[in-house]
Amino acid sequence: MGVQPDRWIQTMVEQYQMIEPFVDHQVKGGISYGLSSYGYDFRLSECFQVPSGSARDLIDPKRVAAAQYAVIQAPWYDLPAGNYVLGRTVEYFRIPRDVLTICNGKSTYARCGVTVYVTPFEPEWEGYATIAIVNSAGRPVRIYANEGIAQLIFLSATSTCAVSYADKAGRYQGQQEITLAKGSGT
């Protein structure tokens, strides 16, 4: 499995619309985003879903209700210390059948105590990615929409998989908005 360079990413975007919208260079002047040497730095949209209710209220990943989250539309969100927020990418992704991605948060946020969690994008998964952003710092941290939040790295397999995410009709296929956990009961 090899990491794919900028030229490969550009070709896949041109031929298969792998990333839409696509920025073919690093945009500076805030928290950078766009094409890099061996990856793509994606952006955070202006929609945030914030856990609501008491800190003692249980969140069960098998039975998450939309009522447990408040939706906020804003150009930034001040993430309280010790809390998390859900976000969505600006970009829509279409992952090829012979590719798996891994993701890491931007160092700018990591240096402020913020960790970004995104599961791998499986072969033939497509959609807007839902992102969990966690603040482990002892104070609030501002999270900016429409700027870079994490870097996606593309790994090409030596052969195609027998069953892709699309083949198994994965429960997060084609998601358009922030998608809450869909436990085994849903």
C-alpha atoms as a PDB file:
ATOM      1  CA  MET A   1       0.000   0.000   0.000  1.00  0.00           C
ATOM      2  CA  GLY A   2       1.575   3.275  -1.083  1.00  0.00           C
ATOM      3  CA  VAL A   3       0.830   6.867  -0.140  1.00  0.00           C
ATOM      4  CA  GLN A   4      -0.339   8.805  -3.191  1.00  0.00           C
ATOM      5  CA  PRO A   5       1.242  12.144  -4.202  1.00  0.00           C
ATOM      6  CA  ASP A   6      -0.315  15.421  -5.305  1.00  0.00           C
ATOM      7  CA  ARG A   7      -0.216  14.508  -9.018  1.00  0.00           C
ATOM      8  CA  TRP A   8      -2.242  11.332  -8.391  1.00  0.00           C
ATOM      9  CA  ILE A   9      -4.804  13.220  -6.278  1.00  0.00           C
ATOM     10  CA  GLN A  10      -5.172  15.864  -9.013  1.00  0.00           C
ATOM     11  CA  THR A  11      -5.691  13.160 -11.674  1.00  0.00           C
ATOM     12  CA  MET A  12      -8.325  11.350  -9.579  1.00  0.00           C
ATOM     13  CA  VAL A  13     -10.189  14.615  -9.062  1.00  0.00           C
ATOM     14  CA  GLU A  14     -10.143  15.368 -12.791  1.00  0.00           C
ATOM     15  CA  GLN A  15     -11.204  11.856 -13.843  1.00  0.00           C
ATOM     16  CA  TYR A  16     -13.549  10.793 -11.031  1.00  0.00           C
ATOM     17  CA  GLN A  17     -14.512  13.951  -9.084  1.00  0.00           C
ATOM     18  CA  MET A  18     -12.895  12.385  -5.998  1.00  0.00           C
ATOM     19  CA  ILE A  19     -13.075  15.700  -4.064  1.00  0.00           C
ATOM     20  CA  GLU A  20     -15.656  18.458  -4.661  1.00  0.00           C
ATOM     21  CA  PRO A  21     -15.001  21.332  -4.351  1.00  0.00           C
ATOM     22  CA  PHE A  22     -11.285  20.799  -4.950  1.00  0.00           C
ATOM     23  CA  VAL A  23      -8.544  23.337  -4.301  1.00  0.00           C
ATOM     24  CA  ASP A  24      -5.414  22.480  -6.308  1.00  0.00           C
ATOM     25  CA  HIS A  25      -2.937  24.301  -4.024  1.00  0.00           C
ATOM     26  CA  GLN A  26      -2.418  25.164  -0.352  1.00  0.00           C
ATOM     27  CA  VAL A  27      -4.483  28.201   0.608  1.00  0.00           C
ATOM     28  CA  LYS A  28      -2.730  30.212   3.312  1.00  0.00           C
ATOM     29  CA  GLY A  29      -3.894  33.233   5.280  1.00  0.00           C
ATOM     30  CA  GLY A  30      -5.752  31.285   7.956  1.00  0.00           C
ATOM     31  CA  ILE A  31      -5.521  27.611   8.814  1.00  0.00           C
ATOM     32  CA  SER A  32      -4.345  26.179   5.492  1.00  0.00           C
ATOM     33  CA  TYR A  33      -6.366  23.861   3.278  1.00  0.00           C
ATOM     34  CA  GLY A  34      -6.182  22.328  -0.188  1.00  0.00           C
ATOM     35  CA  LEU A  35      -3.790  20.013  -2.029  1.00  0.00           C
ATOM     36  CA  SER A  36      -0.470  19.239  -0.348  1.00  0.00           C
ATOM     37  CA  SER A  37       2.482  17.074  -1.407  1.00  0.00           C
ATOM     38  CA  TYR A  38       0.979  13.796  -0.142  1.00  0.00           C
ATOM     39  CA  GLY A  39      -2.552  14.575   0.927  1.00  0.00           C
ATOM     40  CA  TYR A  40      -5.476  16.948   0.976  1.00  0.00           C
ATOM     41  CA  ASP A  41      -6.237  19.332   3.832  1.00  0.00           C
ATOM     42  CA  PHE A  42     -10.011  19.562   4.053  1.00  0.00           C
ATOM     43  CA  ARG A  43     -12.189  22.260   5.567  1.00  0.00           C
ATOM     44  CA  LEU A  44     -14.838  22.390   8.243  1.00  0.00           C
ATOM     45  CA  SER A  45     -18.320  23.629   7.261  1.00  0.00           C
ATOM     46  CA  GLU A  46     -20.290  26.266   9.178  1.00  0.00           C
ATOM     47  CA  CYS A  47     -22.600  23.685  10.759  1.00  0.00           C
ATOM     48  CA  PHE A  48     -21.799  22.377  14.242  1.00  0.00           C
ATOM     49  CA  GLN A  49     -23.734  19.880  16.357  1.00  0.00           C
ATOM     50  CA  VAL A  50     -23.176  20.384  20.055  1.00  0.00           C
ATOM     51  CA  PRO A  51     -24.195  17.847  22.698  1.00  0.00           C
ATOM     52  CA  SER A  52     -27.013  19.372  24.757  1.00  0.00           C
ATOM     53  CA  GLY A  53     -28.454  18.531  28.148  1.00  0.00           C
ATOM     54  CA  SER A  54     -26.655  17.719  31.335  1.00  0.00           C
ATOM     55  CA  ALA A  55     -23.088  16.411  31.473  1.00  0.00           C
ATOM     56  CA  ARG A  56     -24.604  13.433  33.315  1.00  0.00           C
ATOM     57  CA  ASP A  57     -26.929  12.514  30.424  1.00  0.00           C
ATOM     58  CA  LEU A  58     -25.842   9.288  28.788  1.00  0.00           C
ATOM     59  CA  ILE A  59     -25.029   9.208  25.078  1.00  0.00           C
ATOM     60  CA  ASP A  60     -25.592   5.646  23.865  1.00  0.00           C
ATOM     61  CA  PRO A  61     -23.927   5.077  20.452  1.00  0.00           C
ATOM     62  CA  LYS A  62     -26.639   2.514  19.626  1.00  0.00           C
ATOM     63  CA  ARG A  63     -29.480   4.957  20.316  1.00  0.00           C
ATOM     64  CA  VAL A  64     -28.399   8.504  19.580  1.00  0.00           C
ATOM     65  CA  ALA A  65     -31.255  10.964  19.173  1.00  0.00           C
ATOM     66  CA  ALA A  66     -31.013  14.253  17.296  1.00  0.00           C
ATOM     67  CA  ALA A  67     -32.661  15.883  20.334  1.00  0.00           C
ATOM     68  CA  GLN A  68     -29.424  15.243  22.238  1.00  0.00           C
ATOM     69  CA  TYR A  69     -27.662  17.826  20.027  1.00  0.00           C
ATOM     70  CA  ALA A  70     -28.149  21.509  19.313  1.00  0.00           C
ATOM     71  CA  VAL A  71     -27.404  22.666  15.754  1.00  0.00           C
ATOM     72  CA  ILE A  72     -25.389  25.854  15.399  1.00  0.00           C
ATOM     73  CA  GLN A  73     -24.643  27.662  12.105  1.00  0.00           C
ATOM     74  CA  ALA A  74     -21.667  29.984  12.551  1.00  0.00           C
ATOM     75  CA  PRO A  75     -18.307  31.016  11.078  1.00  0.00           C
ATOM     76  CA  TRP A  76     -16.621  29.624  14.211  1.00  0.00           C
ATOM     77  CA  TYR A  77     -17.411  27.731  17.374  1.00  0.00           C
ATOM     78  CA  ASP A  78     -15.761  28.280  20.750  1.00  0.00           C
ATOM     79  CA  LEU A  79     -15.274  24.715  21.978  1.00  0.00           C
ATOM     80  CA  PRO A  80     -15.343  24.578  25.793  1.00  0.00           C
ATOM     81  CA  ALA A  81     -12.547  22.828  27.667  1.00  0.00           C
ATOM     82  CA  GLY A  82     -13.108  19.092  28.024  1.00  0.00           C
ATOM     83  CA  ASN A  83     -15.919  18.996  25.440  1.00  0.00           C
ATOM     84  CA  TYR A  84     -16.482  17.935  21.865  1.00  0.00           C
ATOM     85  CA  VAL A  85     -18.473  19.074  18.865  1.00  0.00           C
ATOM     86  CA  LEU A  86     -19.459  17.366  15.624  1.00  0.00           C
ATOM     87  CA  GLY A  87     -18.760  19.019  12.300  1.00  0.00           C
ATOM     88  CA  ARG A  88     -18.902  18.235   8.601  1.00  0.00           C
ATOM     89  CA  THR A  89     -16.455  18.707   5.774  1.00  0.00           C
ATOM     90  CA  VAL A  90     -16.990  21.382   3.125  1.00  0.00           C
ATOM     91  CA  GLU A  91     -15.768  18.804   0.587  1.00  0.00           C
ATOM     92  CA  TYR A  92     -17.717  15.827  -0.754  1.00  0.00           C
ATOM     93  CA  PHE A  93     -15.541  12.733  -1.263  1.00  0.00           C
ATOM     94  CA  ARG A  94     -15.762   9.758  -3.659  1.00  0.00           C
ATOM     95  CA  ILE A  95     -13.152   7.173  -2.719  1.00  0.00           C
ATOM     96  CA  PRO A  96     -11.942   4.771  -5.450  1.00  0.00           C
ATOM     97  CA  ARG A  97     -12.358   1.017  -4.968  1.00  0.00           C
ATOM     98  CA  ASP A  98      -8.618   0.413  -4.537  1.00  0.00           C
ATOM     99  CA  VAL A  99      -8.031   3.244  -2.032  1.00  0.00           C
ATOM    100  CA  LEU A 100      -8.300   3.618   1.746  1.00  0.00           C
ATOM    101  CA  THR A 101      -7.728   6.932   3.506  1.00  0.00           C
ATOM    102  CA  ILE A 102      -6.427   7.875   6.910  1.00  0.00           C
ATOM    103  CA  CYS A 103      -6.810  11.262   8.508  1.00  0.00           C
ATOM    104  CA  ASN A 104      -4.948  13.380  11.025  1.00  0.00           C
ATOM    105  CA  GLY A 105      -5.881  16.717  12.531  1.00  0.00           C
ATOM    106  CA  LYS A 106      -4.010  19.882  11.601  1.00  0.00           C
ATOM    107  CA  SER A 107      -0.994  20.677  13.771  1.00  0.00           C
ATOM    108  CA  THR A 108      -2.316  24.199  14.409  1.00  0.00           C
ATOM    109  CA  TYR A 109      -5.222  22.730  16.387  1.00  0.00           C
ATOM    110  CA  ALA A 110      -3.172  19.919  17.935  1.00  0.00           C
ATOM    111  CA  ARG A 111      -0.849  22.535  19.441  1.00  0.00           C
ATOM    112  CA  CYS A 112      -3.908  24.062  21.142  1.00  0.00           C
ATOM    113  CA  GLY A 113      -5.040  20.760  22.677  1.00  0.00           C
ATOM    114  CA  VAL A 114      -7.591  19.901  19.990  1.00  0.00           C
ATOM    115  CA  THR A 115      -7.856  16.407  18.521  1.00  0.00           C
ATOM    116  CA  VAL A 116      -9.787  15.628  15.341  1.00  0.00           C
ATOM    117  CA  TYR A 117     -11.348  12.177  14.961  1.00  0.00           C
ATOM    118  CA  VAL A 118     -12.306  10.859  11.547  1.00  0.00           C
ATOM    119  CA  THR A 119     -12.537   7.171  10.727  1.00  0.00           C
ATOM    120  CA  PRO A 120     -10.866   5.877   7.549  1.00  0.00           C
ATOM    121  CA  PHE A 121     -12.773   6.471   4.329  1.00  0.00           C
ATOM    122  CA  GLU A 122     -13.273   2.958   3.001  1.00  0.00           C
ATOM    123  CA  PRO A 123     -13.081   1.875  -0.657  1.00  0.00           C
ATOM    124  CA  GLU A 124     -16.064   3.288  -2.593  1.00  0.00           C
ATOM    125  CA  TRP A 125     -17.371   5.308   0.345  1.00  0.00           C
ATOM    126  CA  GLU A 126     -18.757   8.669  -0.659  1.00  0.00           C
ATOM    127  CA  GLY A 127     -20.249  11.628   1.132  1.00  0.00           C
ATOM    128  CA  TYR A 128     -19.462  14.558   3.365  1.00  0.00           C
ATOM    129  CA  ALA A 129     -17.426  13.350   6.338  1.00  0.00           C
ATOM    130  CA  THR A 130     -18.693  13.838   9.870  1.00  0.00           C
ATOM    131  CA  ILE A 131     -15.871  14.912  12.171  1.00  0.00           C
ATOM    132  CA  ALA A 132     -15.604  14.757  15.958  1.00  0.00           C
ATOM    133  CA  ILE A 133     -13.499  17.577  17.381  1.00  0.00           C
ATOM    134  CA  VAL A 134     -12.359  17.225  21.004  1.00  0.00           C
ATOM    135  CA  ASN A 135     -10.851  19.922  23.213  1.00  0.00           C
ATOM    136  CA  SER A 136      -8.567  18.416  25.847  1.00  0.00           C
ATOM    137  CA  ALA A 137      -7.112  21.826  26.739  1.00  0.00           C
ATOM    138  CA  GLY A 138      -7.904  23.484  30.054  1.00  0.00           C
ATOM    139  CA  ARG A 139      -9.582  26.426  28.332  1.00  0.00           C
ATOM    140  CA  PRO A 140     -11.917  27.051  25.369  1.00  0.00           C
ATOM    141  CA  VAL A 141     -10.476  26.851  21.841  1.00  0.00           C
ATOM    142  CA  ARG A 142     -11.983  28.599  18.802  1.00  0.00           C
ATOM    143  CA  ILE A 143     -12.654  26.269  15.842  1.00  0.00           C
ATOM    144  CA  TYR A 144     -12.930  28.044  12.470  1.00  0.00           C
ATOM    145  CA  ALA A 145     -15.310  27.073   9.674  1.00  0.00           C
ATOM    146  CA  ASN A 146     -14.177  27.247   6.037  1.00  0.00           C
ATOM    147  CA  GLU A 147     -10.555  26.708   7.056  1.00  0.00           C
ATOM    148  CA  GLY A 148      -8.428  23.577   7.329  1.00  0.00           C
ATOM    149  CA  ILE A 149      -9.300  21.096  10.069  1.00  0.00           C
ATOM    150  CA  ALA A 150      -7.498  17.886   9.051  1.00  0.00           C
ATOM    151  CA  GLN A 151      -5.371  16.210   6.382  1.00  0.00           C
ATOM    152  CA  LEU A 152      -6.530  13.205   4.390  1.00  0.00           C
ATOM    153  CA  ILE A 153      -3.876  10.747   3.144  1.00  0.00           C
ATOM    154  CA  PHE A 154      -4.701   8.369   0.295  1.00  0.00           C
ATOM    155  CA  LEU A 155      -3.337   4.809   0.392  1.00  0.00           C
ATOM    156  CA  SER A 156      -3.553   2.708  -2.776  1.00  0.00           C
ATOM    157  CA  ALA A 157      -3.926  -1.051  -2.422  1.00  0.00           C
ATOM    158  CA  THR A 158      -1.966  -3.566  -4.474  1.00  0.00           C
ATOM    159  CA  SER A 159      -5.276  -5.010  -5.699  1.00  0.00           C
ATOM    160  CA  THR A 160      -8.974  -4.159  -5.371  1.00  0.00           C
ATOM    161  CA  CYS A 161     -11.038  -5.417  -2.466  1.00  0.00           C
ATOM    162  CA  ALA A 162     -13.641  -8.160  -2.863  1.00  0.00           C
ATOM    163  CA  VAL A 163     -16.319  -6.124  -1.043  1.00  0.00           C
ATOM    164  CA  SER A 164     -16.341  -2.324  -0.935  1.00  0.00           C
ATOM    165  CA  TYR A 165     -18.271   0.000   1.360  1.00  0.00           C
ATOM    166  CA  ALA A 166     -20.749   0.596  -1.467  1.00  0.00           C
ATOM    167  CA  ASP A 167     -21.162  -3.161  -2.033  1.00  0.00           C
ATOM    168  CA  LYS A 168     -22.132  -3.741   1.591  1.00  0.00           C
ATOM    169  CA  ALA A 169     -24.448  -0.674   1.568  1.00  0.00           C
ATOM    170  CA  GLY A 170     -22.629   0.924   4.506  1.00  0.00           C
ATOM    171  CA  ARG A 171     -24.852   2.932   6.818  1.00  0.00           C
ATOM    172  CA  TYR A 172     -22.939   6.189   6.293  1.00  0.00           C
ATOM    173  CA  GLN A 173     -22.868   5.983   2.473  1.00  0.00           C
ATOM    174  CA  GLY A 174     -23.802   9.223   0.711  1.00  0.00           C
ATOM    175  CA  GLN A 175     -24.282  11.270   3.878  1.00  0.00           C
ATOM    176  CA  GLN A 176     -25.134  14.889   3.145  1.00  0.00           C
ATOM    177  CA  GLU A 177     -25.173  16.408   6.623  1.00  0.00           C
ATOM    178  CA  ILE A 178     -23.569  15.743   9.987  1.00  0.00           C
ATOM    179  CA  THR A 179     -24.622  12.174  10.660  1.00  0.00           C
ATOM    180  CA  LEU A 180     -25.041  10.981  14.234  1.00  0.00           C
ATOM    181  CA  ALA A 181     -23.990   7.474  15.257  1.00  0.00           C
ATOM    182  CA  LYS A 182     -26.167   4.787  13.732  1.00  0.00           C
ATOM    183  CA  GLY A 183     -25.961   1.908  16.158  1.00  0.00           C
ATOM    184  CA  SER A 184     -26.803  -1.685  15.314  1.00  0.00           C
ATOM    185  CA  GLY A 185     -30.452  -1.050  16.207  1.00  0.00           C
ATOM    186  CA  THR A 186     -30.997   1.539  13.436  1.00  0.00           C
END
